Amino acid sequence: MFLRSILRGGTGTGAMLMAAGKVKSTTGIVGLEVVPNAREVLIDLYSKTLKEVEAVPADENYRKAVETFTKHRLQVCQEEQDWEQIEKKIGCGQVEELIEEAEDELRLISKLVEWDPWGVPDDYECEVITDDTPIPKHVPRHKPVKLPEEFHKTLEAVKSKPAIEDEKTEPAPQLKS
């Protein structure tokens, strides 16, 4: 609304904004207003995010992931002046959506620091609560299927077959974690 009134108002401000670069008239998303200085807002939010995430332990995967994508996005915003190029290079929506995501990430970081989920002692035991409430008929249930008889025969044959030490067999491939 603010931007539209300036651009239609015939004042020198609208002409200055148009001369400064391309300006969106709408995001096309209900309730999401255009942010004329989105690049500057994003640079500020990404800088704050990198500072705030330092409160998370350095070896936590959450911190590593946030730092990685935030540094990338900050670099794009610093290199590009045009909001269209920022949207294209980041590839995660409009700059206004990126602003909302960055604000949400900042709120999440402060909550995680407050909750301290990585501070659970190794000897902590969680209470397991069982619920015997019947499952409604419309809710699908996983029922394991009965394995074919030939599977059991093969399994027994493999178990009962003595290992021959003379045969050179290659070890099973190991998966990297």
N, C-alpha and C. Protein backbone atom coordinates (compact mmCIF):
# COMPACT_ATOMS: atom_id res chain seq x y z
N MET A 1 0.83 -1.19 0.00
CA MET A 1 0.00 0.00 0.00
C MET A 1 0.87 1.25 0.00
N PHE A 2 1.83 1.27 0.89
CA PHE A 2 2.73 2.42 1.02
C PHE A 2 3.42 2.72 -0.31
N LEU A 3 3.96 1.69 -0.91
CA LEU A 3 4.70 1.86 -2.15
C LEU A 3 3.79 2.31 -3.29
N ARG A 4 2.59 1.73 -3.37
CA ARG A 4 1.65 2.12 -4.42
C ARG A 4 1.27 3.58 -4.30
N SER A 5 1.02 4.05 -3.07
CA SER A 5 0.62 5.43 -2.89
C SER A 5 1.74 6.38 -3.29
N ILE A 6 2.97 6.01 -3.03
CA ILE A 6 4.10 6.85 -3.43
C ILE A 6 4.23 6.89 -4.94
N LEU A 7 4.12 5.71 -5.57
CA LEU A 7 4.30 5.63 -7.01
C LEU A 7 3.18 6.34 -7.77
N ARG A 8 1.96 6.32 -7.24
CA ARG A 8 0.84 6.97 -7.91
C ARG A 8 0.74 8.45 -7.55
N GLY A 9 1.34 8.82 -6.44
CA GLY A 9 1.14 10.17 -5.92
C GLY A 9 1.70 11.29 -6.75
N GLY A 10 2.51 11.03 -7.73
CA GLY A 10 3.04 12.08 -8.57
C GLY A 10 4.14 12.87 -7.88
N THR A 11 4.56 12.41 -6.71
CA THR A 11 5.62 13.11 -6.01
C THR A 11 6.96 12.72 -6.59
N GLY A 12 7.97 13.41 -6.21
CA GLY A 12 9.32 13.10 -6.67
C GLY A 12 9.84 11.80 -6.10
N THR A 13 9.28 11.33 -4.97
CA THR A 13 9.74 10.11 -4.33
C THR A 13 9.51 8.90 -5.22
N GLY A 14 8.34 8.82 -5.85
CA GLY A 14 8.04 7.70 -6.73
C GLY A 14 8.99 7.65 -7.91
N ALA A 15 9.26 8.80 -8.47
CA ALA A 15 10.19 8.86 -9.59
C ALA A 15 11.59 8.43 -9.15
N MET A 16 11.96 8.83 -7.94
CA MET A 16 13.29 8.45 -7.43
C MET A 16 13.37 6.94 -7.25
N LEU A 17 12.30 6.31 -6.68
CA LEU A 17 12.31 4.85 -6.49
C LEU A 17 12.38 4.13 -7.83
N MET A 18 11.63 4.61 -8.81
CA MET A 18 11.63 3.97 -10.12
C MET A 18 12.99 4.13 -10.79
N ALA A 19 13.62 5.28 -10.60
CA ALA A 19 14.93 5.51 -11.20
C ALA A 19 15.99 4.67 -10.51
N ALA A 20 15.82 4.40 -9.21
CA ALA A 20 16.81 3.65 -8.45
C ALA A 20 16.86 2.19 -8.89
N GLY A 21 15.79 1.66 -9.42
CA GLY A 21 15.77 0.27 -9.85
C GLY A 21 14.35 -0.21 -10.02
N LYS A 22 14.23 -1.45 -10.42
CA LYS A 22 12.90 -2.02 -10.62
C LYS A 22 12.20 -2.15 -9.27
N VAL A 23 10.92 -1.80 -9.25
CA VAL A 23 10.14 -1.89 -8.02
C VAL A 23 8.92 -2.75 -8.31
N LYS A 24 8.67 -3.70 -7.42
CA LYS A 24 7.49 -4.55 -7.57
C LYS A 24 6.25 -3.74 -7.22
N SER A 25 5.15 -4.05 -7.89
CA SER A 25 3.88 -3.43 -7.50
C SER A 25 3.15 -4.34 -6.52
N THR A 26 3.39 -5.64 -6.60
CA THR A 26 2.76 -6.60 -5.70
C THR A 26 3.58 -7.88 -5.66
N THR A 27 3.40 -8.63 -4.57
CA THR A 27 4.06 -9.93 -4.47
C THR A 27 3.21 -11.01 -5.10
N GLY A 28 1.93 -10.71 -5.26
CA GLY A 28 1.02 -11.72 -5.77
C GLY A 28 0.59 -12.71 -4.69
N ILE A 29 0.98 -12.46 -3.45
CA ILE A 29 0.62 -13.33 -2.33
C ILE A 29 -0.21 -12.51 -1.36
N VAL A 30 -1.41 -12.96 -1.10
CA VAL A 30 -2.31 -12.23 -0.21
C VAL A 30 -1.67 -12.07 1.16
N GLY A 31 -1.65 -10.82 1.64
CA GLY A 31 -1.11 -10.53 2.97
C GLY A 31 0.38 -10.31 3.02
N LEU A 32 1.06 -10.47 1.90
CA LEU A 32 2.51 -10.27 1.87
C LEU A 32 2.80 -9.01 1.06
N GLU A 33 3.11 -7.94 1.77
CA GLU A 33 3.36 -6.65 1.14
C GLU A 33 4.75 -6.59 0.53
N VAL A 34 4.91 -5.76 -0.47
CA VAL A 34 6.20 -5.53 -1.11
C VAL A 34 7.11 -4.79 -0.13
N VAL A 35 8.35 -5.20 -0.08
CA VAL A 35 9.36 -4.52 0.75
C VAL A 35 10.32 -3.84 -0.22
N PRO A 36 10.23 -2.49 -0.32
CA PRO A 36 11.05 -1.80 -1.32
C PRO A 36 12.55 -1.92 -1.08
N ASN A 37 12.97 -2.04 0.18
CA ASN A 37 14.40 -2.16 0.51
C ASN A 37 14.73 -3.57 0.98
N ALA A 38 14.19 -4.57 0.30
CA ALA A 38 14.31 -5.96 0.72
C ALA A 38 15.76 -6.41 0.83
N ARG A 39 16.60 -5.98 -0.08
CA ARG A 39 18.01 -6.38 -0.05
C ARG A 39 18.66 -5.96 1.25
N GLU A 40 18.47 -4.72 1.65
CA GLU A 40 19.06 -4.22 2.89
C GLU A 40 18.50 -4.94 4.10
N VAL A 41 17.19 -5.20 4.08
CA VAL A 41 16.55 -5.91 5.18
C VAL A 41 17.14 -7.32 5.29
N LEU A 42 17.30 -8.00 4.15
CA LEU A 42 17.86 -9.35 4.16
C LEU A 42 19.30 -9.36 4.67
N ILE A 43 20.11 -8.41 4.23
CA ILE A 43 21.50 -8.34 4.69
C ILE A 43 21.53 -8.18 6.21
N ASP A 44 20.66 -7.30 6.74
CA ASP A 44 20.60 -7.10 8.19
C ASP A 44 20.15 -8.37 8.91
N LEU A 45 19.10 -9.01 8.41
CA LEU A 45 18.58 -10.23 9.06
C LEU A 45 19.60 -11.37 9.00
N TYR A 46 20.25 -11.56 7.86
CA TYR A 46 21.23 -12.63 7.74
C TYR A 46 22.43 -12.37 8.65
N SER A 47 22.84 -11.12 8.78
CA SER A 47 23.95 -10.79 9.68
C SER A 47 23.57 -11.08 11.14
N LYS A 48 22.34 -10.71 11.51
CA LYS A 48 21.85 -11.00 12.87
C LYS A 48 21.78 -12.50 13.11
N THR A 49 21.32 -13.24 12.11
CA THR A 49 21.21 -14.69 12.24
C THR A 49 22.57 -15.32 12.51
N LEU A 50 23.58 -14.90 11.75
CA LEU A 50 24.92 -15.45 11.94
C LEU A 50 25.46 -15.12 13.33
N LYS A 51 25.13 -13.95 13.83
CA LYS A 51 25.58 -13.58 15.18
C LYS A 51 24.83 -14.39 16.25
N GLU A 52 23.52 -14.51 16.10
CA GLU A 52 22.69 -15.22 17.09
C GLU A 52 22.99 -16.72 17.14
N VAL A 53 23.26 -17.33 15.99
CA VAL A 53 23.47 -18.78 15.95
C VAL A 53 24.78 -19.18 16.63
N GLU A 54 25.63 -18.22 16.92
CA GLU A 54 26.87 -18.52 17.64
C GLU A 54 26.60 -19.02 19.06
N ALA A 55 25.39 -18.77 19.58
CA ALA A 55 25.02 -19.25 20.92
C ALA A 55 24.76 -20.76 20.92
N VAL A 56 24.57 -21.34 19.73
CA VAL A 56 24.37 -22.79 19.60
C VAL A 56 25.75 -23.44 19.57
N PRO A 57 25.93 -24.57 20.27
CA PRO A 57 27.24 -25.24 20.25
C PRO A 57 27.75 -25.48 18.82
N ALA A 58 29.04 -25.26 18.62
CA ALA A 58 29.64 -25.32 17.29
C ALA A 58 29.54 -26.70 16.64
N ASP A 59 29.46 -27.76 17.42
CA ASP A 59 29.42 -29.11 16.84
C ASP A 59 28.00 -29.58 16.51
N GLU A 60 27.00 -28.75 16.75
CA GLU A 60 25.61 -29.13 16.46
C GLU A 60 25.32 -28.97 14.96
N ASN A 61 24.66 -29.97 14.38
CA ASN A 61 24.34 -29.94 12.95
C ASN A 61 23.41 -28.79 12.59
N TYR A 62 22.52 -28.43 13.51
CA TYR A 62 21.61 -27.30 13.25
C TYR A 62 22.42 -26.04 12.99
N ARG A 63 23.39 -25.76 13.85
CA ARG A 63 24.21 -24.56 13.68
C ARG A 63 24.98 -24.60 12.36
N LYS A 64 25.55 -25.76 12.05
CA LYS A 64 26.32 -25.88 10.80
C LYS A 64 25.43 -25.60 9.59
N ALA A 65 24.21 -26.15 9.60
CA ALA A 65 23.29 -25.96 8.47
C ALA A 65 22.87 -24.49 8.35
N VAL A 66 22.51 -23.88 9.48
CA VAL A 66 22.07 -22.48 9.46
C VAL A 66 23.21 -21.57 8.99
N GLU A 67 24.40 -21.81 9.50
CA GLU A 67 25.54 -20.99 9.08
C GLU A 67 25.81 -21.14 7.58
N THR A 68 25.73 -22.36 7.08
CA THR A 68 26.02 -22.61 5.67
C THR A 68 25.05 -21.87 4.76
N PHE A 69 23.74 -22.09 4.95
CA PHE A 69 22.81 -21.46 4.02
C PHE A 69 22.69 -19.97 4.26
N THR A 70 22.87 -19.50 5.49
CA THR A 70 22.78 -18.07 5.75
C THR A 70 23.97 -17.33 5.15
N LYS A 71 25.17 -17.89 5.26
CA LYS A 71 26.34 -17.26 4.65
C LYS A 71 26.18 -17.18 3.14
N HIS A 72 25.65 -18.25 2.54
CA HIS A 72 25.43 -18.24 1.09
C HIS A 72 24.44 -17.15 0.70
N ARG A 73 23.32 -17.08 1.41
CA ARG A 73 22.30 -16.08 1.09
C ARG A 73 22.82 -14.66 1.34
N LEU A 74 23.58 -14.46 2.40
CA LEU A 74 24.16 -13.15 2.68
C LEU A 74 25.11 -12.74 1.56
N GLN A 75 25.91 -13.67 1.11
CA GLN A 75 26.86 -13.39 0.02
C GLN A 75 26.12 -12.98 -1.25
N VAL A 76 25.04 -13.70 -1.57
CA VAL A 76 24.25 -13.36 -2.76
C VAL A 76 23.69 -11.95 -2.63
N CYS A 77 23.15 -11.62 -1.45
CA CYS A 77 22.57 -10.29 -1.24
C CYS A 77 23.62 -9.19 -1.31
N GLN A 78 24.82 -9.48 -0.87
CA GLN A 78 25.88 -8.49 -0.91
C GLN A 78 26.41 -8.30 -2.34
N GLU A 79 26.41 -9.36 -3.13
CA GLU A 79 26.93 -9.29 -4.49
C GLU A 79 25.92 -8.69 -5.48
N GLU A 80 24.65 -8.95 -5.25
CA GLU A 80 23.61 -8.53 -6.19
C GLU A 80 22.87 -7.31 -5.67
N GLN A 81 22.60 -6.36 -6.56
CA GLN A 81 21.82 -5.17 -6.20
C GLN A 81 20.34 -5.35 -6.53
N ASP A 82 20.06 -6.16 -7.53
CA ASP A 82 18.71 -6.33 -8.06
C ASP A 82 17.96 -7.44 -7.34
N TRP A 83 16.75 -7.14 -6.88
CA TRP A 83 15.96 -8.13 -6.14
C TRP A 83 15.63 -9.35 -7.01
N GLU A 84 15.47 -9.15 -8.32
CA GLU A 84 15.16 -10.29 -9.20
C GLU A 84 16.33 -11.27 -9.25
N GLN A 85 17.54 -10.74 -9.28
CA GLN A 85 18.73 -11.60 -9.31
C GLN A 85 18.90 -12.33 -7.97
N ILE A 86 18.58 -11.64 -6.88
CA ILE A 86 18.66 -12.28 -5.56
C ILE A 86 17.69 -13.46 -5.51
N GLU A 87 16.45 -13.22 -5.94
CA GLU A 87 15.46 -14.30 -5.95
C GLU A 87 15.91 -15.46 -6.83
N LYS A 88 16.46 -15.14 -7.99
CA LYS A 88 16.88 -16.17 -8.94
C LYS A 88 18.04 -16.99 -8.38
N LYS A 89 19.05 -16.32 -7.81
CA LYS A 89 20.23 -17.03 -7.32
C LYS A 89 19.95 -17.84 -6.06
N ILE A 90 19.12 -17.32 -5.18
CA ILE A 90 18.80 -18.08 -3.96
C ILE A 90 17.80 -19.18 -4.27
N GLY A 91 16.83 -18.89 -5.13
CA GLY A 91 15.91 -19.91 -5.61
C GLY A 91 14.96 -20.46 -4.56
N CYS A 92 14.58 -19.63 -3.60
CA CYS A 92 13.65 -20.10 -2.54
C CYS A 92 12.48 -19.14 -2.38
N GLY A 93 12.04 -18.55 -3.47
CA GLY A 93 10.89 -17.67 -3.39
C GLY A 93 11.25 -16.21 -3.57
N GLN A 94 10.27 -15.36 -3.31
CA GLN A 94 10.44 -13.93 -3.45
C GLN A 94 11.23 -13.38 -2.25
N VAL A 95 11.83 -12.19 -2.44
CA VAL A 95 12.63 -11.61 -1.36
C VAL A 95 11.78 -11.37 -0.12
N GLU A 96 10.51 -11.06 -0.30
CA GLU A 96 9.61 -10.85 0.85
C GLU A 96 9.41 -12.16 1.62
N GLU A 97 9.36 -13.28 0.90
CA GLU A 97 9.27 -14.58 1.56
C GLU A 97 10.57 -14.91 2.27
N LEU A 98 11.69 -14.55 1.66
CA LEU A 98 12.99 -14.77 2.30
C LEU A 98 13.10 -13.97 3.59
N ILE A 99 12.53 -12.77 3.60
CA ILE A 99 12.52 -11.95 4.82
C ILE A 99 11.74 -12.65 5.91
N GLU A 100 10.56 -13.17 5.57
CA GLU A 100 9.76 -13.90 6.57
C GLU A 100 10.51 -15.12 7.09
N GLU A 101 11.17 -15.86 6.19
CA GLU A 101 11.94 -17.04 6.61
C GLU A 101 13.07 -16.65 7.56
N ALA A 102 13.77 -15.56 7.23
CA ALA A 102 14.89 -15.13 8.06
C ALA A 102 14.40 -14.67 9.45
N GLU A 103 13.26 -14.00 9.48
CA GLU A 103 12.68 -13.58 10.77
C GLU A 103 12.28 -14.81 11.59
N ASP A 104 11.69 -15.81 10.91
CA ASP A 104 11.31 -17.04 11.60
C ASP A 104 12.54 -17.77 12.14
N GLU A 105 13.60 -17.80 11.37
CA GLU A 105 14.84 -18.47 11.81
C GLU A 105 15.40 -17.79 13.04
N LEU A 106 15.38 -16.46 13.08
CA LEU A 106 15.87 -15.73 14.25
C LEU A 106 15.04 -16.07 15.49
N ARG A 107 13.72 -16.14 15.32
CA ARG A 107 12.85 -16.50 16.46
C ARG A 107 13.16 -17.93 16.92
N LEU A 108 13.37 -18.84 15.95
CA LEU A 108 13.66 -20.23 16.30
C LEU A 108 14.98 -20.34 17.04
N ILE A 109 15.99 -19.62 16.60
CA ILE A 109 17.29 -19.67 17.28
C ILE A 109 17.15 -19.24 18.73
N SER A 110 16.42 -18.16 18.98
CA SER A 110 16.27 -17.71 20.37
C SER A 110 15.51 -18.74 21.21
N LYS A 111 14.52 -19.40 20.61
CA LYS A 111 13.80 -20.46 21.34
C LYS A 111 14.71 -21.65 21.62
N LEU A 112 15.50 -22.06 20.63
CA LEU A 112 16.40 -23.20 20.82
C LEU A 112 17.44 -22.90 21.90
N VAL A 113 17.94 -21.68 21.92
CA VAL A 113 18.90 -21.30 22.96
C VAL A 113 18.23 -21.38 24.33
N GLU A 114 16.98 -20.95 24.40
CA GLU A 114 16.22 -21.01 25.65
C GLU A 114 15.95 -22.46 26.06
N TRP A 115 15.53 -23.30 25.13
CA TRP A 115 15.17 -24.68 25.43
C TRP A 115 16.39 -25.58 25.65
N ASP A 116 17.51 -25.27 25.02
CA ASP A 116 18.75 -26.03 25.14
C ASP A 116 18.58 -27.52 24.87
N PRO A 117 18.09 -27.90 23.66
CA PRO A 117 17.86 -29.32 23.38
C PRO A 117 19.14 -30.15 23.31
N TRP A 118 20.28 -29.52 23.10
CA TRP A 118 21.54 -30.25 23.00
C TRP A 118 22.17 -30.45 24.36
N GLY A 119 21.55 -29.94 25.41
CA GLY A 119 22.11 -30.06 26.75
C GLY A 119 21.55 -31.23 27.54
N VAL A 120 20.99 -32.23 26.87
CA VAL A 120 20.42 -33.40 27.56
C VAL A 120 21.57 -34.31 28.00
N PRO A 121 21.62 -34.64 29.30
CA PRO A 121 22.70 -35.51 29.78
C PRO A 121 22.63 -36.90 29.14
N ASP A 122 23.78 -37.55 29.00
CA ASP A 122 23.84 -38.87 28.38
C ASP A 122 23.05 -39.91 29.17
N ASP A 123 22.98 -39.75 30.49
CA ASP A 123 22.30 -40.74 31.31
C ASP A 123 20.81 -40.44 31.51
N TYR A 124 20.28 -39.47 30.79
CA TYR A 124 18.87 -39.11 30.92
C TYR A 124 18.00 -40.22 30.35
N GLU A 125 16.98 -40.60 31.11
CA GLU A 125 16.04 -41.62 30.63
C GLU A 125 14.67 -41.00 30.48
N CYS A 126 14.10 -41.19 29.32
CA CYS A 126 12.80 -40.64 29.00
C CYS A 126 11.71 -41.61 29.45
N GLU A 127 10.66 -41.06 30.06
CA GLU A 127 9.54 -41.90 30.48
C GLU A 127 8.71 -42.27 29.25
N VAL A 128 8.41 -43.55 29.11
CA VAL A 128 7.61 -44.03 27.99
C VAL A 128 6.19 -44.24 28.49
N ILE A 129 5.26 -43.59 27.83
CA ILE A 129 3.86 -43.69 28.21
C ILE A 129 3.15 -44.52 27.15
N THR A 130 2.48 -45.57 27.59
CA THR A 130 1.72 -46.39 26.65
C THR A 130 0.25 -45.99 26.73
N ASP A 131 -0.38 -46.01 25.59
CA ASP A 131 -1.77 -45.61 25.51
C ASP A 131 -2.55 -46.75 24.87
N ASP A 132 -3.50 -47.28 25.58
CA ASP A 132 -4.28 -48.41 25.08
C ASP A 132 -5.59 -47.97 24.43
N THR A 133 -5.70 -46.71 24.10
CA THR A 133 -6.91 -46.21 23.47
C THR A 133 -7.09 -46.91 22.13
N PRO A 134 -8.29 -47.42 21.85
CA PRO A 134 -8.50 -48.11 20.56
C PRO A 134 -8.32 -47.15 19.39
N ILE A 135 -7.77 -47.68 18.31
CA ILE A 135 -7.55 -46.89 17.10
C ILE A 135 -8.84 -46.89 16.29
N PRO A 136 -9.30 -45.70 15.89
CA PRO A 136 -10.53 -45.64 15.09
C PRO A 136 -10.37 -46.43 13.78
N LYS A 137 -11.48 -46.95 13.26
CA LYS A 137 -11.45 -47.79 12.08
C LYS A 137 -10.96 -47.06 10.83
N HIS A 138 -11.18 -45.73 10.77
CA HIS A 138 -10.78 -45.00 9.57
C HIS A 138 -9.28 -44.70 9.53
N VAL A 139 -8.57 -44.97 10.62
CA VAL A 139 -7.13 -44.72 10.66
C VAL A 139 -6.41 -45.97 10.18
N PRO A 140 -5.59 -45.84 9.13
CA PRO A 140 -4.89 -47.02 8.62
C PRO A 140 -3.86 -47.54 9.63
N ARG A 141 -3.74 -48.84 9.70
CA ARG A 141 -2.77 -49.48 10.59
C ARG A 141 -1.81 -50.32 9.77
N HIS A 142 -0.58 -50.31 10.18
CA HIS A 142 0.41 -51.14 9.49
C HIS A 142 0.36 -52.54 10.10
N LYS A 143 0.06 -53.49 9.26
CA LYS A 143 0.08 -54.88 9.70
C LYS A 143 1.13 -55.60 8.86
N PRO A 144 2.15 -56.14 9.51
CA PRO A 144 3.18 -56.83 8.73
C PRO A 144 2.59 -58.04 8.02
N VAL A 145 3.03 -58.22 6.79
CA VAL A 145 2.55 -59.36 6.01
C VAL A 145 3.35 -60.60 6.40
N LYS A 146 2.72 -61.75 6.25
CA LYS A 146 3.40 -63.01 6.55
C LYS A 146 4.41 -63.29 5.45
N LEU A 147 5.63 -63.62 5.86
CA LEU A 147 6.67 -63.91 4.88
C LEU A 147 6.42 -65.28 4.26
N PRO A 148 6.78 -65.44 2.99
CA PRO A 148 6.56 -66.73 2.32
C PRO A 148 7.39 -67.84 2.96
N GLU A 149 6.89 -69.05 2.85
CA GLU A 149 7.55 -70.21 3.45
C GLU A 149 8.96 -70.40 2.90
N GLU A 150 9.16 -70.12 1.60
CA GLU A 150 10.48 -70.30 1.00
C GLU A 150 11.52 -69.35 1.62
N PHE A 151 11.07 -68.19 2.12
CA PHE A 151 11.99 -67.28 2.81
C PHE A 151 12.53 -67.96 4.07
N HIS A 152 11.64 -68.57 4.84
CA HIS A 152 12.05 -69.24 6.08
C HIS A 152 12.98 -70.43 5.78
N LYS A 153 12.68 -71.18 4.71
CA LYS A 153 13.53 -72.31 4.34
C LYS A 153 14.94 -71.82 3.97
N THR A 154 15.00 -70.76 3.19
CA THR A 154 16.30 -70.20 2.79
C THR A 154 17.05 -69.69 4.01
N LEU A 155 16.38 -69.04 4.90
CA LEU A 155 17.00 -68.52 6.11
C LEU A 155 17.57 -69.65 6.96
N GLU A 156 16.81 -70.72 7.12
CA GLU A 156 17.29 -71.87 7.90
C GLU A 156 18.49 -72.52 7.23
N ALA A 157 18.45 -72.60 5.89
CA ALA A 157 19.58 -73.21 5.16
C ALA A 157 20.84 -72.38 5.34
N VAL A 158 20.72 -71.09 5.32
CA VAL A 158 21.88 -70.21 5.50
C VAL A 158 22.41 -70.33 6.92
N LYS A 159 21.51 -70.40 7.89
CA LYS A 159 21.93 -70.51 9.29
C LYS A 159 22.63 -71.83 9.58
N SER A 160 22.13 -72.91 8.98
CA SER A 160 22.67 -74.24 9.29
C SER A 160 23.90 -74.60 8.45
N LYS A 161 24.14 -73.91 7.37
CA LYS A 161 25.28 -74.22 6.51
C LYS A 161 26.58 -73.86 7.23
N PRO A 162 27.50 -74.81 7.38
CA PRO A 162 28.76 -74.51 8.07
C PRO A 162 29.63 -73.59 7.21
N ALA A 163 30.28 -72.67 7.86
CA ALA A 163 31.17 -71.75 7.14
C ALA A 163 32.44 -72.48 6.77
N ILE A 164 32.87 -72.33 5.53
CA ILE A 164 34.09 -72.97 5.06
C ILE A 164 35.20 -71.93 5.16
N GLU A 165 36.21 -72.26 5.93
CA GLU A 165 37.28 -71.31 6.19
C GLU A 165 38.25 -71.22 5.00
N ASP A 166 38.33 -72.26 4.17
CA ASP A 166 39.29 -72.26 3.07
C ASP A 166 38.89 -71.29 1.96
N GLU A 167 37.60 -71.07 1.80
CA GLU A 167 37.14 -70.21 0.71
C GLU A 167 37.46 -68.75 1.02
N LYS A 168 38.02 -68.09 0.05
CA LYS A 168 38.31 -66.66 0.20
C LYS A 168 37.10 -65.90 -0.32
N THR A 169 36.44 -65.23 0.56
CA THR A 169 35.30 -64.43 0.14
C THR A 169 35.59 -62.97 0.42
N GLU A 170 35.07 -62.14 -0.43
CA GLU A 170 35.24 -60.71 -0.24
C GLU A 170 34.32 -60.25 0.88
N PRO A 171 34.80 -59.34 1.70
CA PRO A 171 33.94 -58.84 2.77
C PRO A 171 32.79 -58.03 2.19
N ALA A 172 31.69 -57.98 2.89
CA ALA A 172 30.54 -57.22 2.44
C ALA A 172 30.91 -55.74 2.41
N PRO A 173 30.42 -55.02 1.41
CA PRO A 173 30.75 -53.59 1.33
C PRO A 173 30.20 -52.86 2.56
N GLN A 174 30.95 -51.91 3.05
CA GLN A 174 30.55 -51.13 4.23
C GLN A 174 29.98 -49.79 3.78
N LEU A 175 28.93 -49.38 4.44
CA LEU A 175 28.32 -48.09 4.13
C LEU A 175 29.03 -47.02 4.93
N LYS A 176 29.27 -45.89 4.31
CA LYS A 176 29.88 -44.77 5.03
C LYS A 176 28.78 -43.97 5.69
N SER A 177 29.04 -43.54 6.89
CA SER A 177 28.01 -42.74 7.57
C SER A 177 28.35 -41.28 7.56
